[in-house]
Amino acid sequence: MRLDKYLKVSRIIKRRTVAKEVADQGRVMINGNPAKSSSKVAVGDELAIQFGNRLLVVEVLALLDSTKKEDADNMYRIIKEERKQRSEEEN
């Protein structure tokens, strides 16, 4: 499954166009390698997604072509979620 479609169907990112932009800007890694929106995602892959000052790392558990909102959480497991703190110098 394409990365942009997976991010949308799993509801990690709400819109596929936004998922495509995020991936093509180099803010998504698959198993430690930079990924484009057309990169293939497989069960067991680890995705690291950078959202501004937030990093989300998830493990892919399932690939579904479509899903209900309540089932989307079953497509991945959160490994790590962190926010980068702004340093005192930036303030």
PDB file of N, CA and C in Angstrom:
ATOM      1  N   MET A   1       0.848  -1.175   0.000  1.00  0.00           N
ATOM      2  CA  MET A   1       0.000   0.000   0.000  1.00  0.00           C
ATOM      3  C   MET A   1       0.897   1.242   0.000  1.00  0.00           C
ATOM      4  N   ARG A   2       0.491   2.252  -0.750  1.00  0.00           N
ATOM      5  CA  ARG A   2       1.245   3.506  -0.786  1.00  0.00           C
ATOM      6  C   ARG A   2       1.220   4.186   0.586  1.00  0.00           C
ATOM      7  N   LEU A   3       2.303   4.864   0.902  1.00  0.00           N
ATOM      8  CA  LEU A   3       2.432   5.552   2.189  1.00  0.00           C
ATOM      9  C   LEU A   3       1.332   6.583   2.389  1.00  0.00           C
ATOM     10  N   ASP A   4       1.068   7.430   1.386  1.00  0.00           N
ATOM     11  CA  ASP A   4       0.059   8.480   1.564  1.00  0.00           C
ATOM     12  C   ASP A   4      -1.325   7.885   1.809  1.00  0.00           C
ATOM     13  N   LYS A   5      -1.649   6.792   1.135  1.00  0.00           N
ATOM     14  CA  LYS A   5      -2.949   6.145   1.357  1.00  0.00           C
ATOM     15  C   LYS A   5      -3.015   5.538   2.760  1.00  0.00           C
ATOM     16  N   TYR A   6      -1.928   4.896   3.194  1.00  0.00           N
ATOM     17  CA  TYR A   6      -1.917   4.298   4.528  1.00  0.00           C
ATOM     18  C   TYR A   6      -2.132   5.362   5.607  1.00  0.00           C
ATOM     19  N   LEU A   7      -1.435   6.495   5.494  1.00  0.00           N
ATOM     20  CA  LEU A   7      -1.567   7.553   6.499  1.00  0.00           C
ATOM     21  C   LEU A   7      -2.996   8.085   6.556  1.00  0.00           C
ATOM     22  N   LYS A   8      -3.660   8.156   5.415  1.00  0.00           N
ATOM     23  CA  LYS A   8      -5.042   8.635   5.372  1.00  0.00           C
ATOM     24  C   LYS A   8      -6.020   7.597   5.917  1.00  0.00           C
ATOM     25  N   VAL A   9      -5.923   6.346   5.427  1.00  0.00           N
ATOM     26  CA  VAL A   9      -6.865   5.296   5.849  1.00  0.00           C
ATOM     27  C   VAL A   9      -6.740   5.023   7.347  1.00  0.00           C
ATOM     28  N   SER A  10      -5.504   5.062   7.869  1.00  0.00           N
ATOM     29  CA  SER A  10      -5.289   4.812   9.301  1.00  0.00           C
ATOM     30  C   SER A  10      -5.651   6.024  10.156  1.00  0.00           C
ATOM     31  N   ARG A  11      -5.922   7.141   9.489  1.00  0.00           N
ATOM     32  CA  ARG A  11      -6.294   8.403  10.137  1.00  0.00           C
ATOM     33  C   ARG A  11      -5.166   9.000  10.980  1.00  0.00           C
ATOM     34  N   ILE A  12      -3.931   8.641  10.659  1.00  0.00           N
ATOM     35  CA  ILE A  12      -2.791   9.317  11.279  1.00  0.00           C
ATOM     36  C   ILE A  12      -2.755  10.748  10.750  1.00  0.00           C
ATOM     37  N   ILE A  13      -3.030  10.896   9.446  1.00  0.00           N
ATOM     38  CA  ILE A  13      -3.206  12.203   8.817  1.00  0.00           C
ATOM     39  C   ILE A  13      -4.569  12.173   8.139  1.00  0.00           C
ATOM     40  N   LYS A  14      -5.349  13.220   8.329  1.00  0.00           N
ATOM     41  CA  LYS A  14      -6.756  13.195   7.906  1.00  0.00           C
ATOM     42  C   LYS A  14      -6.981  13.239   6.399  1.00  0.00           C
ATOM     43  N   ARG A  15      -6.112  13.916   5.650  1.00  0.00           N
ATOM     44  CA  ARG A  15      -6.319  14.046   4.211  1.00  0.00           C
ATOM     45  C   ARG A  15      -5.136  13.473   3.444  1.00  0.00           C
ATOM     46  N   ARG A  16      -5.437  12.797   2.335  1.00  0.00           N
ATOM     47  CA  ARG A  16      -4.376  12.175   1.542  1.00  0.00           C
ATOM     48  C   ARG A  16      -3.453  13.225   0.923  1.00  0.00           C
ATOM     49  N   THR A  17      -3.996  14.366   0.516  1.00  0.00           N
ATOM     50  CA  THR A  17      -3.141  15.409  -0.068  1.00  0.00           C
ATOM     51  C   THR A  17      -2.151  15.936   0.959  1.00  0.00           C
ATOM     52  N   VAL A  18      -2.585  16.050   2.207  1.00  0.00           N
ATOM     53  CA  VAL A  18      -1.684  16.491   3.285  1.00  0.00           C
ATOM     54  C   VAL A  18      -0.640  15.405   3.553  1.00  0.00           C
ATOM     55  N   ALA A  19      -1.065  14.153   3.557  1.00  0.00           N
ATOM     56  CA  ALA A  19      -0.130  13.033   3.759  1.00  0.00           C
ATOM     57  C   ALA A  19       0.925  13.022   2.655  1.00  0.00           C
ATOM     58  N   LYS A  20       0.508  13.289   1.430  1.00  0.00           N
ATOM     59  CA  LYS A  20       1.443  13.329   0.300  1.00  0.00           C
ATOM     60  C   LYS A  20       2.449  14.461   0.486  1.00  0.00           C
ATOM     61  N   GLU A  21       1.975  15.639   0.871  1.00  0.00           N
ATOM     62  CA  GLU A  21       2.870  16.784   1.086  1.00  0.00           C
ATOM     63  C   GLU A  21       3.884  16.495   2.186  1.00  0.00           C
ATOM     64  N   VAL A  22       3.418  15.951   3.304  1.00  0.00           N
ATOM     65  CA  VAL A  22       4.295  15.647   4.439  1.00  0.00           C
ATOM     66  C   VAL A  22       5.384  14.659   4.013  1.00  0.00           C
ATOM     67  N   ALA A  23       4.996  13.606   3.306  1.00  0.00           N
ATOM     68  CA  ALA A  23       5.967  12.590   2.876  1.00  0.00           C
ATOM     69  C   ALA A  23       6.953  13.174   1.867  1.00  0.00           C
ATOM     70  N   ASP A  24       6.458  13.925   0.915  1.00  0.00           N
ATOM     71  CA  ASP A  24       7.332  14.466  -0.129  1.00  0.00           C
ATOM     72  C   ASP A  24       8.252  15.569   0.389  1.00  0.00           C
ATOM     73  N   GLN A  25       7.965  16.113   1.565  1.00  0.00           N
ATOM     74  CA  GLN A  25       8.850  17.097   2.196  1.00  0.00           C
ATOM     75  C   GLN A  25       9.944  16.425   3.015  1.00  0.00           C
ATOM     76  N   GLY A  26       9.965  15.095   3.027  1.00  0.00           N
ATOM     77  CA  GLY A  26      11.001  14.360   3.746  1.00  0.00           C
ATOM     78  C   GLY A  26      10.766  14.252   5.235  1.00  0.00           C
ATOM     79  N   ARG A  27       9.506  14.376   5.671  1.00  0.00           N
ATOM     80  CA  ARG A  27       9.192  14.337   7.099  1.00  0.00           C
ATOM     81  C   ARG A  27       8.693  12.970   7.567  1.00  0.00           C
ATOM     82  N   VAL A  28       8.796  11.947   6.682  1.00  0.00           N
ATOM     83  CA  VAL A  28       8.386  10.588   7.038  1.00  0.00           C
ATOM     84  C   VAL A  28       9.540   9.632   6.727  1.00  0.00           C
ATOM     85  N   MET A  29       9.808   8.744   7.678  1.00  0.00           N
ATOM     86  CA  MET A  29      10.826   7.713   7.500  1.00  0.00           C
ATOM     87  C   MET A  29      10.142   6.347   7.630  1.00  0.00           C
ATOM     88  N   ILE A  30      10.539   5.407   6.776  1.00  0.00           N
ATOM     89  CA  ILE A  30      10.073   4.022   6.890  1.00  0.00           C
ATOM     90  C   ILE A  30      11.297   3.188   7.242  1.00  0.00           C
ATOM     91  N   ASN A  31      11.275   2.567   8.409  1.00  0.00           N
ATOM     92  CA  ASN A  31      12.389   1.746   8.889  1.00  0.00           C
ATOM     93  C   ASN A  31      13.723   2.506   8.828  1.00  0.00           C
ATOM     94  N   GLY A  32      13.674   3.800   9.159  1.00  0.00           N
ATOM     95  CA  GLY A  32      14.885   4.609   9.205  1.00  0.00           C
ATOM     96  C   GLY A  32      15.324   5.198   7.879  1.00  0.00           C
ATOM     97  N   ASN A  33      14.592   4.931   6.810  1.00  0.00           N
ATOM     98  CA  ASN A  33      14.934   5.451   5.488  1.00  0.00           C
ATOM     99  C   ASN A  33      13.932   6.513   5.054  1.00  0.00           C
ATOM    100  N   PRO A  34      14.398   7.602   4.434  1.00  0.00           N
ATOM    101  CA  PRO A  34      13.467   8.630   3.956  1.00  0.00           C
ATOM    102  C   PRO A  34      12.452   8.026   2.990  1.00  0.00           C
ATOM    103  N   ALA A  35      11.197   8.468   3.086  1.00  0.00           N
ATOM    104  CA  ALA A  35      10.127   7.906   2.268  1.00  0.00           C
ATOM    105  C   ALA A  35       9.416   8.994   1.480  1.00  0.00           C
ATOM    106  N   LYS A  36       8.969   8.645   0.312  1.00  0.00           N
ATOM    107  CA  LYS A  36       8.125   9.515  -0.508  1.00  0.00           C
ATOM    108  C   LYS A  36       6.690   9.017  -0.397  1.00  0.00           C
ATOM    109  N   SER A  37       5.745   9.807  -0.886  1.00  0.00           N
ATOM    110  CA  SER A  37       4.334   9.437  -0.785  1.00  0.00           C
ATOM    111  C   SER A  37       4.033   8.126  -1.503  1.00  0.00           C
ATOM    112  N   SER A  38       4.806   7.799  -2.539  1.00  0.00           N
ATOM    113  CA  SER A  38       4.560   6.569  -3.298  1.00  0.00           C
ATOM    114  C   SER A  38       5.275   5.356  -2.723  1.00  0.00           C
ATOM    115  N   SER A  39       6.048   5.534  -1.645  1.00  0.00           N
ATOM    116  CA  SER A  39       6.762   4.408  -1.027  1.00  0.00           C
ATOM    117  C   SER A  39       5.767   3.359  -0.538  1.00  0.00           C
ATOM    118  N   LYS A  40       6.168   2.100  -0.627  1.00  0.00           N
ATOM    119  CA  LYS A  40       5.299   1.005  -0.197  1.00  0.00           C
ATOM    120  C   LYS A  40       5.437   0.773   1.307  1.00  0.00           C
ATOM    121  N   VAL A  41       4.293   0.548   1.955  1.00  0.00           N
ATOM    122  CA  VAL A  41       4.233   0.256   3.385  1.00  0.00           C
ATOM    123  C   VAL A  41       3.807  -1.196   3.539  1.00  0.00           C
ATOM    124  N   ALA A  42       4.456  -1.922   4.454  1.00  0.00           N
ATOM    125  CA  ALA A  42       4.119  -3.324   4.698  1.00  0.00           C
ATOM    126  C   ALA A  42       3.898  -3.537   6.198  1.00  0.00           C
ATOM    127  N   VAL A  43       3.184  -4.587   6.540  1.00  0.00           N
ATOM    128  CA  VAL A  43       2.967  -4.935   7.948  1.00  0.00           C
ATOM    129  C   VAL A  43       4.324  -5.168   8.600  1.00  0.00           C
ATOM    130  N   GLY A  44       4.533  -4.591   9.772  1.00  0.00           N
ATOM    131  CA  GLY A  44       5.796  -4.717  10.488  1.00  0.00           C
ATOM    132  C   GLY A  44       6.716  -3.523  10.297  1.00  0.00           C
ATOM    133  N   ASP A  45       6.433  -2.668   9.309  1.00  0.00           N
ATOM    134  CA  ASP A  45       7.254  -1.477   9.091  1.00  0.00           C
ATOM    135  C   ASP A  45       7.107  -0.502  10.250  1.00  0.00           C
ATOM    136  N   GLU A  46       8.168   0.260  10.488  1.00  0.00           N
ATOM    137  CA  GLU A  46       8.145   1.313  11.503  1.00  0.00           C
ATOM    138  C   GLU A  46       8.157   2.658  10.784  1.00  0.00           C
ATOM    139  N   LEU A  47       7.141   3.474  11.056  1.00  0.00           N
ATOM    140  CA  LEU A  47       7.025   4.794  10.441  1.00  0.00           C
ATOM    141  C   LEU A  47       7.339   5.860  11.481  1.00  0.00           C
ATOM    142  N   ALA A  48       8.184   6.807  11.112  1.00  0.00           N
ATOM    143  CA  ALA A  48       8.480   7.964  11.960  1.00  0.00           C
ATOM    144  C   ALA A  48       7.995   9.195  11.210  1.00  0.00           C
ATOM    145  N   ILE A  49       7.035   9.917  11.795  1.00  0.00           N
ATOM    146  CA  ILE A  49       6.416  11.066  11.138  1.00  0.00           C
ATOM    147  C   ILE A  49       6.679  12.317  11.963  1.00  0.00           C
ATOM    148  N   GLN A  50       7.219  13.349  11.313  1.00  0.00           N
ATOM    149  CA  GLN A  50       7.525  14.611  11.979  1.00  0.00           C
ATOM    150  C   GLN A  50       6.407  15.606  11.688  1.00  0.00           C
ATOM    151  N   PHE A  51       5.702  16.042  12.738  1.00  0.00           N
ATOM    152  CA  PHE A  51       4.654  17.063  12.627  1.00  0.00           C
ATOM    153  C   PHE A  51       5.142  18.290  13.377  1.00  0.00           C
ATOM    154  N   GLY A  52       5.731  19.253  12.718  1.00  0.00           N
ATOM    155  CA  GLY A  52       6.221  20.440  13.409  1.00  0.00           C
ATOM    156  C   GLY A  52       7.179  20.062  14.516  1.00  0.00           C
ATOM    157  N   ASN A  53       6.790  20.322  15.769  1.00  0.00           N
ATOM    158  CA  ASN A  53       7.667  19.987  16.900  1.00  0.00           C
ATOM    159  C   ASN A  53       7.313  18.633  17.525  1.00  0.00           C
ATOM    160  N   ARG A  54       6.509  17.819  16.841  1.00  0.00           N
ATOM    161  CA  ARG A  54       6.068  16.528  17.369  1.00  0.00           C
ATOM    162  C   ARG A  54       6.599  15.398  16.492  1.00  0.00           C
ATOM    163  N   LEU A  55       7.079  14.342  17.130  1.00  0.00           N
ATOM    164  CA  LEU A  55       7.529  13.142  16.424  1.00  0.00           C
ATOM    165  C   LEU A  55       6.636  11.984  16.842  1.00  0.00           C
ATOM    166  N   LEU A  56       6.099  11.285  15.855  1.00  0.00           N
ATOM    167  CA  LEU A  56       5.251  10.123  16.106  1.00  0.00           C
ATOM    168  C   LEU A  56       5.889   8.919  15.429  1.00  0.00           C
ATOM    169  N   VAL A  57       6.147   7.875  16.205  1.00  0.00           N
ATOM    170  CA  VAL A  57       6.712   6.634  15.664  1.00  0.00           C
ATOM    171  C   VAL A  57       5.682   5.535  15.893  1.00  0.00           C
ATOM    172  N   VAL A  58       5.293   4.864  14.800  1.00  0.00           N
ATOM    173  CA  VAL A  58       4.282   3.800  14.887  1.00  0.00           C
ATOM    174  C   VAL A  58       4.770   2.554  14.165  1.00  0.00           C
ATOM    175  N   GLU A  59       4.225   1.414  14.579  1.00  0.00           N
ATOM    176  CA  GLU A  59       4.456   0.151  13.885  1.00  0.00           C
ATOM    177  C   GLU A  59       3.192  -0.189  13.104  1.00  0.00           C
ATOM    178  N   VAL A  60       3.344  -0.562  11.843  1.00  0.00           N
ATOM    179  CA  VAL A  60       2.220  -0.928  10.988  1.00  0.00           C
ATOM    180  C   VAL A  60       1.747  -2.325  11.391  1.00  0.00           C
ATOM    181  N   LEU A  61       0.467  -2.440  11.774  1.00  0.00           N
ATOM    182  CA  LEU A  61      -0.094  -3.730  12.182  1.00  0.00           C
ATOM    183  C   LEU A  61      -0.994  -4.342  11.122  1.00  0.00           C
ATOM    184  N   ALA A  62      -1.627  -3.499  10.291  1.00  0.00           N
ATOM    185  CA  ALA A  62      -2.554  -4.007   9.281  1.00  0.00           C
ATOM    186  C   ALA A  62      -2.648  -3.030   8.122  1.00  0.00           C
ATOM    187  N   LEU A  63      -2.935  -3.575   6.937  1.00  0.00           N
ATOM    188  CA  LEU A  63      -3.166  -2.762   5.749  1.00  0.00           C
ATOM    189  C   LEU A  63      -4.601  -2.999   5.302  1.00  0.00           C
ATOM    190  N   LEU A  64      -5.416  -1.970   5.363  1.00  0.00           N
ATOM    191  CA  LEU A  64      -6.815  -2.067   4.957  1.00  0.00           C
ATOM    192  C   LEU A  64      -7.099  -0.990   3.915  1.00  0.00           C
ATOM    193  N   ASP A  65      -7.895  -1.332   2.886  1.00  0.00           N
ATOM    194  CA  ASP A  65      -8.207  -0.347   1.851  1.00  0.00           C
ATOM    195  C   ASP A  65      -9.142   0.743   2.344  1.00  0.00           C
ATOM    196  N   SER A  66      -9.995   0.401   3.282  1.00  0.00           N
ATOM    197  CA  SER A  66     -10.865   1.391   3.914  1.00  0.00           C
ATOM    198  C   SER A  66     -11.190   0.888   5.312  1.00  0.00           C
ATOM    199  N   THR A  67     -11.560   1.821   6.175  1.00  0.00           N
ATOM    200  CA  THR A  67     -11.835   1.436   7.558  1.00  0.00           C
ATOM    201  C   THR A  67     -12.771   2.440   8.206  1.00  0.00           C
ATOM    202  N   LYS A  68     -13.471   1.979   9.212  1.00  0.00           N
ATOM    203  CA  LYS A  68     -14.307   2.874  10.011  1.00  0.00           C
ATOM    204  C   LYS A  68     -13.415   3.591  11.017  1.00  0.00           C
ATOM    205  N   LYS A  69     -13.871   4.717  11.471  1.00  0.00           N
ATOM    206  CA  LYS A  69     -13.082   5.519  12.395  1.00  0.00           C
ATOM    207  C   LYS A  69     -12.642   4.717  13.621  1.00  0.00           C
ATOM    208  N   GLU A  70     -13.535   3.931  14.185  1.00  0.00           N
ATOM    209  CA  GLU A  70     -13.219   3.179  15.406  1.00  0.00           C
ATOM    210  C   GLU A  70     -12.234   2.031  15.150  1.00  0.00           C
ATOM    211  N   ASP A  71     -12.113   1.589  13.891  1.00  0.00           N
ATOM    212  CA  ASP A  71     -11.189   0.500  13.561  1.00  0.00           C
ATOM    213  C   ASP A  71      -9.814   0.996  13.115  1.00  0.00           C
ATOM    214  N   ALA A  72      -9.686   2.277  12.837  1.00  0.00           N
ATOM    215  CA  ALA A  72      -8.431   2.823  12.314  1.00  0.00           C
ATOM    216  C   ALA A  72      -7.274   2.630  13.296  1.00  0.00           C
ATOM    217  N   ASP A  73      -7.534   2.728  14.587  1.00  0.00           N
ATOM    218  CA  ASP A  73      -6.482   2.565  15.591  1.00  0.00           C
ATOM    219  C   ASP A  73      -5.865   1.165  15.580  1.00  0.00           C
ATOM    220  N   ASN A  74      -6.590   0.187  15.044  1.00  0.00           N
ATOM    221  CA  ASN A  74      -6.077  -1.184  14.985  1.00  0.00           C
ATOM    222  C   ASN A  74      -5.074  -1.395  13.851  1.00  0.00           C
ATOM    223  N   MET A  75      -4.879  -0.372  13.025  1.00  0.00           N
ATOM    224  CA  MET A  75      -3.950  -0.488  11.896  1.00  0.00           C
ATOM    225  C   MET A  75      -2.507  -0.208  12.301  1.00  0.00           C
ATOM    226  N   TYR A  76      -2.319   0.385  13.486  1.00  0.00           N
ATOM    227  CA  TYR A  76      -0.964   0.716  13.923  1.00  0.00           C
ATOM    228  C   TYR A  76      -0.872   0.704  15.445  1.00  0.00           C
ATOM    229  N   ARG A  77       0.370   0.637  15.927  1.00  0.00           N
ATOM    230  CA  ARG A  77       0.646   0.701  17.370  1.00  0.00           C
ATOM    231  C   ARG A  77       1.655   1.822  17.569  1.00  0.00           C
ATOM    232  N   ILE A  78       1.349   2.728  18.482  1.00  0.00           N
ATOM    233  CA  ILE A  78       2.263   3.834  18.764  1.00  0.00           C
ATOM    234  C   ILE A  78       3.453   3.308  19.556  1.00  0.00           C
ATOM    235  N   ILE A  79       4.645   3.519  19.026  1.00  0.00           N
ATOM    236  CA  ILE A  79       5.871   3.116  19.704  1.00  0.00           C
ATOM    237  C   ILE A  79       6.388   4.272  20.549  1.00  0.00           C
ATOM    238  N   LYS A  80       6.359   5.462  19.952  1.00  0.00           N
ATOM    239  CA  LYS A  80       6.875   6.637  20.661  1.00  0.00           C
ATOM    240  C   LYS A  80       6.159   7.873  20.143  1.00  0.00           C
ATOM    241  N   GLU A  81       5.878   8.787  21.051  1.00  0.00           N
ATOM    242  CA  GLU A  81       5.287  10.068  20.693  1.00  0.00           C
ATOM    243  C   GLU A  81       5.942  11.109  21.585  1.00  0.00           C
ATOM    244  N   GLU A  82       6.599  12.070  20.970  1.00  0.00           N
ATOM    245  CA  GLU A  82       7.286  13.075  21.776  1.00  0.00           C
ATOM    246  C   GLU A  82       7.199  14.441  21.133  1.00  0.00           C
ATOM    247  N   ARG A  83       7.287  15.439  21.981  1.00  0.00           N
ATOM    248  CA  ARG A  83       7.333  16.826  21.531  1.00  0.00           C
ATOM    249  C   ARG A  83       8.717  17.361  21.818  1.00  0.00           C
ATOM    250  N   LYS A  84       9.256  18.071  20.856  1.00  0.00           N
ATOM    251  CA  LYS A  84      10.557  18.695  21.066  1.00  0.00           C
ATOM    252  C   LYS A  84      10.337  19.982  21.834  1.00  0.00           C
ATOM    253  N   GLN A  85      11.080  20.148  22.914  1.00  0.00           N
ATOM    254  CA  GLN A  85      10.971  21.350  23.734  1.00  0.00           C
ATOM    255  C   GLN A  85      11.758  22.474  23.080  1.00  0.00           C
ATOM    256  N   ARG A  86      11.182  23.662  23.100  1.00  0.00           N
ATOM    257  CA  ARG A  86      11.910  24.823  22.598  1.00  0.00           C
ATOM    258  C   ARG A  86      12.966  25.204  23.620  1.00  0.00           C
ATOM    259  N   SER A  87      14.160  25.500  23.145  1.00  0.00           N
ATOM    260  CA  SER A  87      15.227  25.885  24.065  1.00  0.00           C
ATOM    261  C   SER A  87      15.022  27.322  24.534  1.00  0.00           C
ATOM    262  N   GLU A  88      15.671  27.681  25.618  1.00  0.00           N
ATOM    263  CA  GLU A  88      15.559  29.034  26.165  1.00  0.00           C
ATOM    264  C   GLU A  88      16.075  30.069  25.177  1.00  0.00           C
ATOM    265  N   GLU A  89      17.070  29.695  24.345  1.00  0.00           N
ATOM    266  CA  GLU A  89      17.629  30.614  23.380  1.00  0.00           C
ATOM    267  C   GLU A  89      16.636  31.005  22.300  1.00  0.00           C
ATOM    268  N   GLU A  90      15.693  30.121  21.970  1.00  0.00           N
ATOM    269  CA  GLU A  90      14.717  30.390  20.921  1.00  0.00           C
ATOM    270  C   GLU A  90      13.648  31.364  21.396  1.00  0.00           C
ATOM    271  N   ASN A  91      13.431  31.479  22.698  1.00  0.00           N
ATOM    272  CA  ASN A  91      12.374  32.349  23.236  1.00  0.00           C
ATOM    273  C   ASN A  91      12.725  33.777  23.214  1.00  0.00           C
TER     274      ASN A  91
END
